[in-house]
Amino acid sequence: MEIIKIFYIWTILTFVVLQSVIVGSQESSFELPVQLFGFPFIIMAVRITNFIKKLSYAVSPATYRSRNRRELTLASDSEPYDSQEVEKYIVGEFGARACVFERVCAHYATRARSQPRPQMNWSDVFRQYKRSPEQAKELYLLSVFLGDIVGSPQLCHQLAKRRACDDTLLADNH
């Protein structure tokens, strides 16, 4: 309400000053300097713009998400990760036998995209982890965290094309 009052008063004052300048310039040689009404107008415009920016930031639901989740929503249209580079990194870290469970990875990636702050169902994760054979435990967790952190079902699918784990390694398919 205060801003509207200030805007109306500013508009009226600007109109009066401009009107007096126009009438004054026709009758006498008296002219008001441009800075007299230009600078206050610029200052007011900057303040209103900053207020609108802060208001839109505060009203946006993305403001209250963690930074990596906000980045996911902004980059949802394009894939920021190259599947070949991710595959090289996975092989470098986990060895040549490294693979990705596509269903698990895609499940957690979909959850990461759909919910702003998904709470990991740790009991389910640990239940699946315990049911997995020894050789699949590390790869199961890799698939869970890859899906949850990266949040890209497309990347999970591409990685599974290149390095798919045998779903029979998991006792209970996710």
N, C-alpha and C. Protein backbone atom coordinates (compact mmCIF):
# COMPACT_ATOMS: atom_id res chain seq x y z
N MET A 1 0.82 -1.18 0.00
CA MET A 1 0.00 0.00 0.00
C MET A 1 0.87 1.25 0.00
N GLU A 2 1.96 1.22 0.75
CA GLU A 2 2.86 2.37 0.80
C GLU A 2 3.48 2.65 -0.56
N ILE A 3 3.83 1.59 -1.26
CA ILE A 3 4.46 1.78 -2.57
C ILE A 3 3.50 2.42 -3.55
N ILE A 4 2.25 2.05 -3.48
CA ILE A 4 1.25 2.64 -4.38
C ILE A 4 1.11 4.13 -4.09
N LYS A 5 1.06 4.50 -2.81
CA LYS A 5 0.97 5.92 -2.45
C LYS A 5 2.19 6.68 -2.95
N ILE A 6 3.37 6.10 -2.72
CA ILE A 6 4.60 6.76 -3.17
C ILE A 6 4.60 6.90 -4.68
N PHE A 7 4.16 5.87 -5.39
CA PHE A 7 4.11 5.92 -6.84
C PHE A 7 3.17 7.03 -7.33
N TYR A 8 1.98 7.13 -6.72
CA TYR A 8 1.04 8.18 -7.10
C TYR A 8 1.60 9.57 -6.84
N ILE A 9 2.20 9.75 -5.67
CA ILE A 9 2.78 11.07 -5.35
C ILE A 9 3.91 11.39 -6.32
N TRP A 10 4.75 10.40 -6.60
CA TRP A 10 5.86 10.61 -7.53
C TRP A 10 5.34 10.97 -8.93
N THR A 11 4.30 10.31 -9.37
CA THR A 11 3.72 10.59 -10.68
C THR A 11 3.17 12.01 -10.74
N ILE A 12 2.46 12.42 -9.70
CA ILE A 12 1.90 13.77 -9.66
C ILE A 12 3.01 14.82 -9.63
N LEU A 13 4.02 14.59 -8.79
CA LEU A 13 5.13 15.55 -8.74
C LEU A 13 5.87 15.64 -10.07
N THR A 14 6.09 14.51 -10.69
CA THR A 14 6.75 14.51 -12.00
C THR A 14 5.91 15.26 -13.02
N PHE A 15 4.62 15.03 -13.01
CA PHE A 15 3.73 15.74 -13.94
C PHE A 15 3.77 17.24 -13.69
N VAL A 16 3.71 17.66 -12.43
CA VAL A 16 3.74 19.09 -12.10
C VAL A 16 5.06 19.71 -12.53
N VAL A 17 6.17 19.04 -12.23
CA VAL A 17 7.48 19.59 -12.60
C VAL A 17 7.61 19.68 -14.12
N LEU A 18 7.22 18.62 -14.83
CA LEU A 18 7.31 18.65 -16.29
C LEU A 18 6.39 19.72 -16.88
N GLN A 19 5.20 19.84 -16.32
CA GLN A 19 4.26 20.86 -16.80
C GLN A 19 4.84 22.26 -16.58
N SER A 20 5.45 22.48 -15.41
CA SER A 20 6.02 23.81 -15.15
C SER A 20 7.21 24.07 -16.05
N VAL A 21 7.97 23.03 -16.38
CA VAL A 21 9.11 23.20 -17.29
C VAL A 21 8.61 23.56 -18.68
N ILE A 22 7.57 22.87 -19.13
CA ILE A 22 7.04 23.15 -20.46
C ILE A 22 6.47 24.56 -20.52
N VAL A 23 5.65 24.91 -19.53
CA VAL A 23 5.06 26.25 -19.51
C VAL A 23 6.14 27.29 -19.28
N GLY A 24 7.10 26.99 -18.39
CA GLY A 24 8.17 27.94 -18.10
C GLY A 24 9.08 28.16 -19.28
N SER A 25 9.30 27.16 -20.07
CA SER A 25 10.19 27.32 -21.21
C SER A 25 9.55 28.17 -22.31
N GLN A 26 8.24 28.18 -22.34
CA GLN A 26 7.56 29.00 -23.33
C GLN A 26 7.52 30.46 -22.90
N GLU A 27 7.45 30.72 -21.59
CA GLU A 27 7.29 32.09 -21.10
C GLU A 27 8.61 32.73 -20.69
N SER A 28 9.53 31.92 -20.15
CA SER A 28 10.80 32.51 -19.70
C SER A 28 11.95 31.57 -20.05
N SER A 29 13.12 32.03 -19.74
CA SER A 29 14.30 31.24 -20.05
C SER A 29 14.69 30.31 -18.89
N PHE A 30 13.86 30.23 -17.86
CA PHE A 30 14.14 29.39 -16.70
C PHE A 30 13.91 27.91 -17.06
N GLU A 31 14.93 27.08 -16.84
CA GLU A 31 14.82 25.65 -17.09
C GLU A 31 15.32 24.89 -15.87
N LEU A 32 14.62 23.83 -15.56
CA LEU A 32 15.06 22.97 -14.47
C LEU A 32 16.10 21.99 -15.01
N PRO A 33 17.13 21.72 -14.23
CA PRO A 33 18.11 20.74 -14.69
C PRO A 33 17.49 19.35 -14.74
N VAL A 34 17.96 18.54 -15.68
CA VAL A 34 17.44 17.19 -15.87
C VAL A 34 17.68 16.35 -14.60
N GLN A 35 18.79 16.59 -13.92
CA GLN A 35 19.12 15.81 -12.74
C GLN A 35 18.09 15.97 -11.62
N LEU A 36 17.38 17.09 -11.61
CA LEU A 36 16.42 17.35 -10.54
C LEU A 36 15.30 16.32 -10.52
N PHE A 37 14.85 15.90 -11.67
CA PHE A 37 13.79 14.88 -11.67
C PHE A 37 14.28 13.55 -12.27
N GLY A 38 15.41 13.53 -12.93
CA GLY A 38 15.93 12.30 -13.53
C GLY A 38 16.52 11.33 -12.52
N PHE A 39 17.38 11.83 -11.63
CA PHE A 39 18.01 10.95 -10.65
C PHE A 39 17.02 10.34 -9.68
N PRO A 40 16.11 11.12 -9.12
CA PRO A 40 15.13 10.47 -8.23
C PRO A 40 14.29 9.41 -8.95
N PHE A 41 13.98 9.65 -10.20
CA PHE A 41 13.22 8.67 -10.97
C PHE A 41 14.02 7.38 -11.15
N ILE A 42 15.30 7.52 -11.48
CA ILE A 42 16.16 6.34 -11.66
C ILE A 42 16.31 5.58 -10.34
N ILE A 43 16.51 6.28 -9.25
CA ILE A 43 16.65 5.65 -7.95
C ILE A 43 15.37 4.89 -7.59
N MET A 44 14.23 5.52 -7.82
CA MET A 44 12.95 4.87 -7.51
C MET A 44 12.75 3.64 -8.40
N ALA A 45 13.10 3.74 -9.66
CA ALA A 45 12.96 2.59 -10.57
C ALA A 45 13.84 1.43 -10.14
N VAL A 46 15.06 1.70 -9.71
CA VAL A 46 15.97 0.65 -9.24
C VAL A 46 15.42 0.00 -7.97
N ARG A 47 14.91 0.80 -7.05
CA ARG A 47 14.36 0.25 -5.81
C ARG A 47 13.13 -0.61 -6.08
N ILE A 48 12.28 -0.17 -6.96
CA ILE A 48 11.09 -0.96 -7.29
C ILE A 48 11.50 -2.27 -7.96
N THR A 49 12.48 -2.20 -8.85
CA THR A 49 12.97 -3.41 -9.53
C THR A 49 13.56 -4.38 -8.52
N ASN A 50 14.38 -3.89 -7.61
CA ASN A 50 14.96 -4.76 -6.58
C ASN A 50 13.88 -5.38 -5.70
N PHE A 51 12.87 -4.59 -5.37
CA PHE A 51 11.77 -5.12 -4.56
C PHE A 51 11.04 -6.24 -5.29
N ILE A 52 10.78 -6.04 -6.58
CA ILE A 52 10.08 -7.07 -7.36
C ILE A 52 10.92 -8.33 -7.46
N LYS A 53 12.25 -8.19 -7.65
CA LYS A 53 13.13 -9.35 -7.71
C LYS A 53 13.09 -10.13 -6.40
N LYS A 54 13.20 -9.41 -5.28
CA LYS A 54 13.19 -10.07 -3.98
C LYS A 54 11.85 -10.71 -3.69
N LEU A 55 10.78 -10.06 -4.09
CA LEU A 55 9.45 -10.63 -3.88
C LEU A 55 9.27 -11.90 -4.70
N SER A 56 9.68 -11.89 -5.96
CA SER A 56 9.53 -13.09 -6.79
C SER A 56 10.42 -14.21 -6.27
N TYR A 57 11.59 -13.88 -5.73
CA TYR A 57 12.47 -14.90 -5.16
C TYR A 57 11.83 -15.51 -3.91
N ALA A 58 11.22 -14.68 -3.08
CA ALA A 58 10.61 -15.18 -1.85
C ALA A 58 9.35 -15.99 -2.12
N VAL A 59 8.63 -15.66 -3.17
CA VAL A 59 7.37 -16.35 -3.47
C VAL A 59 7.62 -17.67 -4.21
N SER A 60 8.72 -17.77 -4.92
CA SER A 60 9.01 -18.97 -5.72
C SER A 60 9.25 -20.18 -4.82
N PRO A 61 8.58 -21.30 -5.10
CA PRO A 61 8.79 -22.49 -4.28
C PRO A 61 10.19 -23.09 -4.44
N ALA A 62 10.84 -22.81 -5.55
CA ALA A 62 12.19 -23.33 -5.77
C ALA A 62 13.20 -22.72 -4.80
N THR A 63 12.86 -21.58 -4.20
CA THR A 63 13.75 -20.93 -3.26
C THR A 63 14.03 -21.81 -2.05
N TYR A 64 13.05 -22.57 -1.67
CA TYR A 64 13.15 -23.34 -0.44
C TYR A 64 13.64 -24.76 -0.67
N ARG A 65 14.18 -25.03 -1.83
CA ARG A 65 14.81 -26.32 -2.12
C ARG A 65 16.31 -26.18 -1.93
N SER A 66 16.96 -27.29 -1.74
CA SER A 66 18.41 -27.24 -1.65
C SER A 66 18.98 -26.84 -3.01
N ARG A 67 20.17 -26.35 -3.01
CA ARG A 67 20.74 -25.83 -4.26
C ARG A 67 20.82 -26.88 -5.36
N ASN A 68 21.24 -28.10 -5.01
CA ASN A 68 21.37 -29.10 -6.07
C ASN A 68 20.01 -29.49 -6.62
N ARG A 69 18.94 -29.43 -5.83
CA ARG A 69 17.60 -29.71 -6.35
C ARG A 69 17.13 -28.57 -7.26
N ARG A 70 17.46 -27.32 -6.91
CA ARG A 70 17.09 -26.20 -7.78
C ARG A 70 17.80 -26.33 -9.12
N GLU A 71 19.06 -26.74 -9.10
CA GLU A 71 19.79 -26.91 -10.34
C GLU A 71 19.17 -28.01 -11.19
N LEU A 72 18.64 -29.05 -10.54
CA LEU A 72 17.99 -30.11 -11.29
C LEU A 72 16.77 -29.59 -12.02
N THR A 73 15.97 -28.75 -11.37
CA THR A 73 14.77 -28.25 -12.03
C THR A 73 15.12 -27.28 -13.15
N LEU A 74 16.20 -26.53 -12.99
CA LEU A 74 16.58 -25.60 -14.04
C LEU A 74 17.15 -26.34 -15.25
N ALA A 75 17.86 -27.43 -15.00
CA ALA A 75 18.51 -28.15 -16.08
C ALA A 75 17.70 -29.37 -16.52
N SER A 76 16.42 -29.36 -16.26
CA SER A 76 15.61 -30.55 -16.55
C SER A 76 15.46 -30.80 -18.05
N ASP A 77 15.55 -29.77 -18.87
CA ASP A 77 15.36 -29.96 -20.30
C ASP A 77 16.59 -30.54 -20.99
N SER A 78 17.74 -30.18 -20.54
CA SER A 78 18.95 -30.67 -21.18
C SER A 78 19.70 -31.57 -20.22
N GLU A 79 20.39 -32.54 -20.78
CA GLU A 79 21.17 -33.47 -19.98
C GLU A 79 22.55 -32.87 -19.73
N PRO A 80 22.87 -32.53 -18.48
CA PRO A 80 24.16 -31.92 -18.21
C PRO A 80 25.31 -32.92 -18.16
N TYR A 81 24.98 -34.22 -18.12
CA TYR A 81 26.01 -35.23 -17.98
C TYR A 81 26.14 -36.04 -19.27
N ASP A 82 27.36 -36.27 -19.64
CA ASP A 82 27.65 -37.11 -20.79
C ASP A 82 27.78 -38.54 -20.28
N SER A 83 26.98 -39.45 -20.82
CA SER A 83 26.96 -40.83 -20.31
C SER A 83 28.31 -41.51 -20.48
N GLN A 84 29.04 -41.18 -21.52
CA GLN A 84 30.36 -41.79 -21.72
C GLN A 84 31.33 -41.35 -20.62
N GLU A 85 31.29 -40.06 -20.27
CA GLU A 85 32.17 -39.56 -19.22
C GLU A 85 31.80 -40.16 -17.87
N VAL A 86 30.51 -40.28 -17.59
CA VAL A 86 30.06 -40.88 -16.33
C VAL A 86 30.49 -42.35 -16.28
N GLU A 87 30.35 -43.04 -17.41
CA GLU A 87 30.77 -44.44 -17.47
C GLU A 87 32.27 -44.58 -17.21
N LYS A 88 33.07 -43.71 -17.80
CA LYS A 88 34.52 -43.76 -17.57
C LYS A 88 34.83 -43.55 -16.09
N TYR A 89 34.13 -42.61 -15.47
CA TYR A 89 34.37 -42.34 -14.05
C TYR A 89 33.96 -43.54 -13.20
N ILE A 90 32.83 -44.15 -13.50
CA ILE A 90 32.36 -45.32 -12.74
C ILE A 90 33.35 -46.47 -12.88
N VAL A 91 33.80 -46.71 -14.09
CA VAL A 91 34.77 -47.79 -14.32
C VAL A 91 36.07 -47.47 -13.58
N GLY A 92 36.48 -46.23 -13.60
CA GLY A 92 37.70 -45.84 -12.90
C GLY A 92 37.59 -46.03 -11.39
N GLU A 93 36.43 -45.77 -10.84
CA GLU A 93 36.23 -45.88 -9.39
C GLU A 93 35.90 -47.29 -8.94
N PHE A 94 35.09 -48.00 -9.71
CA PHE A 94 34.58 -49.30 -9.26
C PHE A 94 35.16 -50.49 -10.03
N GLY A 95 35.94 -50.22 -11.03
CA GLY A 95 36.56 -51.31 -11.77
C GLY A 95 35.76 -51.72 -12.99
N ALA A 96 36.31 -52.68 -13.73
CA ALA A 96 35.70 -53.10 -15.00
C ALA A 96 34.38 -53.83 -14.81
N ARG A 97 34.14 -54.39 -13.63
CA ARG A 97 32.89 -55.11 -13.39
C ARG A 97 31.73 -54.19 -12.99
N ALA A 98 31.97 -52.92 -12.93
CA ALA A 98 30.95 -51.97 -12.48
C ALA A 98 29.77 -51.95 -13.46
N CYS A 99 28.57 -51.88 -12.88
CA CYS A 99 27.36 -51.80 -13.69
C CYS A 99 26.30 -51.03 -12.92
N VAL A 100 25.20 -50.73 -13.61
CA VAL A 100 24.12 -49.92 -13.02
C VAL A 100 22.82 -50.70 -13.14
N PHE A 101 22.09 -50.79 -12.03
CA PHE A 101 20.75 -51.37 -12.06
C PHE A 101 19.80 -50.29 -12.57
N GLU A 102 19.32 -50.45 -13.78
CA GLU A 102 18.52 -49.40 -14.41
C GLU A 102 17.24 -49.10 -13.62
N ARG A 103 16.53 -50.12 -13.20
CA ARG A 103 15.27 -49.89 -12.48
C ARG A 103 15.49 -49.12 -11.19
N VAL A 104 16.51 -49.49 -10.45
CA VAL A 104 16.80 -48.84 -9.17
C VAL A 104 17.21 -47.39 -9.42
N CYS A 105 18.14 -47.19 -10.33
CA CYS A 105 18.62 -45.84 -10.65
C CYS A 105 17.48 -44.95 -11.14
N ALA A 106 16.68 -45.45 -12.07
CA ALA A 106 15.58 -44.66 -12.62
C ALA A 106 14.52 -44.37 -11.57
N HIS A 107 14.27 -45.32 -10.67
CA HIS A 107 13.28 -45.11 -9.60
C HIS A 107 13.69 -43.93 -8.72
N TYR A 108 14.94 -43.92 -8.27
CA TYR A 108 15.39 -42.85 -7.39
C TYR A 108 15.59 -41.54 -8.15
N ALA A 109 15.92 -41.61 -9.41
CA ALA A 109 16.04 -40.39 -10.22
C ALA A 109 14.67 -39.74 -10.42
N THR A 110 13.65 -40.55 -10.64
CA THR A 110 12.29 -40.03 -10.80
C THR A 110 11.82 -39.39 -9.50
N ARG A 111 12.11 -40.04 -8.37
CA ARG A 111 11.74 -39.47 -7.08
C ARG A 111 12.45 -38.13 -6.85
N ALA A 112 13.72 -38.05 -7.23
CA ALA A 112 14.49 -36.82 -7.02
C ALA A 112 13.91 -35.67 -7.84
N ARG A 113 13.39 -35.98 -9.01
CA ARG A 113 12.81 -34.92 -9.86
C ARG A 113 11.42 -34.51 -9.40
N SER A 114 10.64 -35.46 -8.92
CA SER A 114 9.23 -35.18 -8.62
C SER A 114 9.04 -34.51 -7.26
N GLN A 115 9.91 -34.79 -6.32
CA GLN A 115 9.75 -34.24 -4.97
C GLN A 115 10.87 -33.25 -4.70
N PRO A 116 10.53 -32.07 -4.17
CA PRO A 116 11.56 -31.06 -3.93
C PRO A 116 12.60 -31.50 -2.89
N ARG A 117 12.15 -32.15 -1.84
CA ARG A 117 13.06 -32.63 -0.80
C ARG A 117 12.68 -34.05 -0.45
N PRO A 118 12.98 -35.00 -1.31
CA PRO A 118 12.56 -36.36 -1.02
C PRO A 118 13.31 -36.92 0.19
N GLN A 119 12.57 -37.57 1.03
CA GLN A 119 13.19 -38.26 2.15
C GLN A 119 13.47 -39.68 1.70
N MET A 120 14.72 -40.05 1.79
CA MET A 120 15.12 -41.39 1.37
C MET A 120 14.48 -42.41 2.30
N ASN A 121 13.91 -43.43 1.72
CA ASN A 121 13.33 -44.53 2.51
C ASN A 121 14.47 -45.47 2.87
N TRP A 122 15.17 -45.15 3.96
CA TRP A 122 16.38 -45.87 4.31
C TRP A 122 16.09 -47.32 4.66
N SER A 123 14.95 -47.60 5.28
CA SER A 123 14.66 -48.99 5.61
C SER A 123 14.55 -49.84 4.34
N ASP A 124 13.93 -49.28 3.30
CA ASP A 124 13.82 -50.00 2.03
C ASP A 124 15.20 -50.17 1.37
N VAL A 125 16.00 -49.10 1.42
CA VAL A 125 17.34 -49.16 0.82
C VAL A 125 18.17 -50.23 1.52
N PHE A 126 18.16 -50.23 2.86
CA PHE A 126 18.96 -51.21 3.59
C PHE A 126 18.41 -52.62 3.46
N ARG A 127 17.10 -52.76 3.35
CA ARG A 127 16.50 -54.08 3.15
C ARG A 127 16.99 -54.67 1.82
N GLN A 128 16.93 -53.84 0.76
CA GLN A 128 17.40 -54.30 -0.54
C GLN A 128 18.91 -54.58 -0.53
N TYR A 129 19.62 -53.74 0.20
CA TYR A 129 21.07 -53.91 0.31
C TYR A 129 21.39 -55.25 0.97
N LYS A 130 20.70 -55.59 2.05
CA LYS A 130 20.95 -56.85 2.76
C LYS A 130 20.56 -58.06 1.92
N ARG A 131 19.52 -57.94 1.12
CA ARG A 131 19.06 -59.06 0.28
C ARG A 131 19.98 -59.30 -0.91
N SER A 132 20.73 -58.29 -1.29
CA SER A 132 21.60 -58.41 -2.46
C SER A 132 22.78 -59.32 -2.15
N PRO A 133 23.23 -60.09 -3.14
CA PRO A 133 24.44 -60.90 -2.95
C PRO A 133 25.65 -59.97 -2.75
N GLU A 134 26.70 -60.50 -2.20
CA GLU A 134 27.88 -59.69 -1.88
C GLU A 134 28.40 -58.90 -3.08
N GLN A 135 28.44 -59.52 -4.25
CA GLN A 135 29.00 -58.85 -5.42
C GLN A 135 28.08 -57.72 -5.93
N ALA A 136 26.81 -57.69 -5.50
CA ALA A 136 25.88 -56.68 -6.00
C ALA A 136 25.61 -55.56 -5.01
N LYS A 137 26.06 -55.69 -3.76
CA LYS A 137 25.74 -54.69 -2.74
C LYS A 137 26.28 -53.31 -3.10
N GLU A 138 27.54 -53.27 -3.45
CA GLU A 138 28.17 -52.00 -3.81
C GLU A 138 27.50 -51.39 -5.05
N LEU A 139 27.16 -52.23 -6.01
CA LEU A 139 26.55 -51.75 -7.24
C LEU A 139 25.12 -51.29 -7.01
N TYR A 140 24.42 -51.93 -6.07
CA TYR A 140 23.07 -51.49 -5.72
C TYR A 140 23.13 -50.07 -5.14
N LEU A 141 24.05 -49.86 -4.19
CA LEU A 141 24.17 -48.52 -3.60
C LEU A 141 24.61 -47.50 -4.64
N LEU A 142 25.48 -47.90 -5.55
CA LEU A 142 25.88 -47.01 -6.65
C LEU A 142 24.65 -46.59 -7.44
N SER A 143 23.79 -47.52 -7.76
CA SER A 143 22.59 -47.22 -8.55
C SER A 143 21.63 -46.30 -7.78
N VAL A 144 21.48 -46.57 -6.47
CA VAL A 144 20.59 -45.74 -5.64
C VAL A 144 21.09 -44.31 -5.61
N PHE A 145 22.36 -44.13 -5.27
CA PHE A 145 22.88 -42.78 -5.11
C PHE A 145 23.06 -42.06 -6.45
N LEU A 146 23.38 -42.79 -7.49
CA LEU A 146 23.47 -42.17 -8.82
C LEU A 146 22.11 -41.61 -9.22
N GLY A 147 21.06 -42.40 -9.02
CA GLY A 147 19.72 -41.92 -9.35
C GLY A 147 19.30 -40.75 -8.49
N ASP A 148 19.56 -40.84 -7.18
CA ASP A 148 19.10 -39.79 -6.26
C ASP A 148 19.86 -38.49 -6.44
N ILE A 149 21.15 -38.56 -6.64
CA ILE A 149 21.96 -37.34 -6.72
C ILE A 149 21.86 -36.70 -8.10
N VAL A 150 21.99 -37.49 -9.15
CA VAL A 150 21.96 -36.92 -10.50
C VAL A 150 20.53 -36.61 -10.91
N GLY A 151 19.59 -37.45 -10.56
CA GLY A 151 18.18 -37.18 -10.86
C GLY A 151 17.83 -37.22 -12.32
N SER A 152 18.46 -38.10 -13.08
CA SER A 152 18.21 -38.16 -14.51
C SER A 152 17.88 -39.59 -14.93
N PRO A 153 16.59 -39.90 -15.12
CA PRO A 153 16.25 -41.24 -15.61
C PRO A 153 16.86 -41.54 -16.98
N GLN A 154 17.03 -40.50 -17.79
CA GLN A 154 17.63 -40.71 -19.11
C GLN A 154 19.09 -41.17 -18.98
N LEU A 155 19.82 -40.56 -18.04
CA LEU A 155 21.20 -40.97 -17.83
C LEU A 155 21.25 -42.40 -17.31
N CYS A 156 20.34 -42.76 -16.41
CA CYS A 156 20.28 -44.14 -15.91
C CYS A 156 20.05 -45.11 -17.06
N HIS A 157 19.14 -44.75 -17.95
CA HIS A 157 18.85 -45.61 -19.10
C HIS A 157 20.08 -45.75 -20.01
N GLN A 158 20.74 -44.65 -20.28
CA GLN A 158 21.92 -44.68 -21.14
C GLN A 158 23.05 -45.50 -20.51
N LEU A 159 23.24 -45.32 -19.20
CA LEU A 159 24.28 -46.10 -18.53
C LEU A 159 23.93 -47.59 -18.50
N ALA A 160 22.65 -47.88 -18.33
CA ALA A 160 22.23 -49.28 -18.31
C ALA A 160 22.39 -49.92 -19.69
N LYS A 161 22.26 -49.16 -20.75
CA LYS A 161 22.53 -49.69 -22.09
C LYS A 161 23.99 -50.12 -22.21
N ARG A 162 24.87 -49.32 -21.63
CA ARG A 162 26.29 -49.59 -21.74
C ARG A 162 26.76 -50.61 -20.69
N ARG A 163 26.25 -50.48 -19.46
CA ARG A 163 26.73 -51.30 -18.35
C ARG A 163 25.56 -51.75 -17.49
N ALA A 164 24.72 -52.58 -18.04
CA ALA A 164 23.55 -53.04 -17.29
C ALA A 164 23.95 -54.19 -16.37
N CYS A 165 23.41 -54.13 -15.15
CA CYS A 165 23.58 -55.23 -14.21
C CYS A 165 22.47 -56.24 -14.47
N ASP A 166 22.74 -57.45 -14.19
CA ASP A 166 21.74 -58.50 -14.31
C ASP A 166 20.77 -58.34 -13.16
N ASP A 167 19.48 -58.13 -13.47
CA ASP A 167 18.49 -57.90 -12.42
C ASP A 167 18.32 -59.10 -11.50
N THR A 168 18.77 -60.26 -11.92
CA THR A 168 18.65 -61.43 -11.05
C THR A 168 19.61 -61.36 -9.88
N LEU A 169 20.60 -60.43 -9.94
CA LEU A 169 21.50 -60.23 -8.80
C LEU A 169 20.74 -59.69 -7.59
N LEU A 170 19.69 -58.93 -7.86
CA LEU A 170 18.88 -58.41 -6.76
C LEU A 170 17.84 -59.46 -6.39
N ALA A 171 17.71 -59.74 -5.12
CA ALA A 171 16.76 -60.75 -4.68
C ALA A 171 15.33 -60.32 -4.95
N ASP A 172 15.03 -59.08 -4.64
CA ASP A 172 13.68 -58.54 -4.85
C ASP A 172 13.81 -57.38 -5.82
N ASN A 173 13.40 -57.56 -7.06
CA ASN A 173 13.52 -56.48 -8.04
C ASN A 173 12.78 -55.27 -7.56
N HIS A 174 13.42 -54.14 -7.67
CA HIS A 174 12.85 -52.89 -7.15
C HIS A 174 11.84 -52.33 -8.06
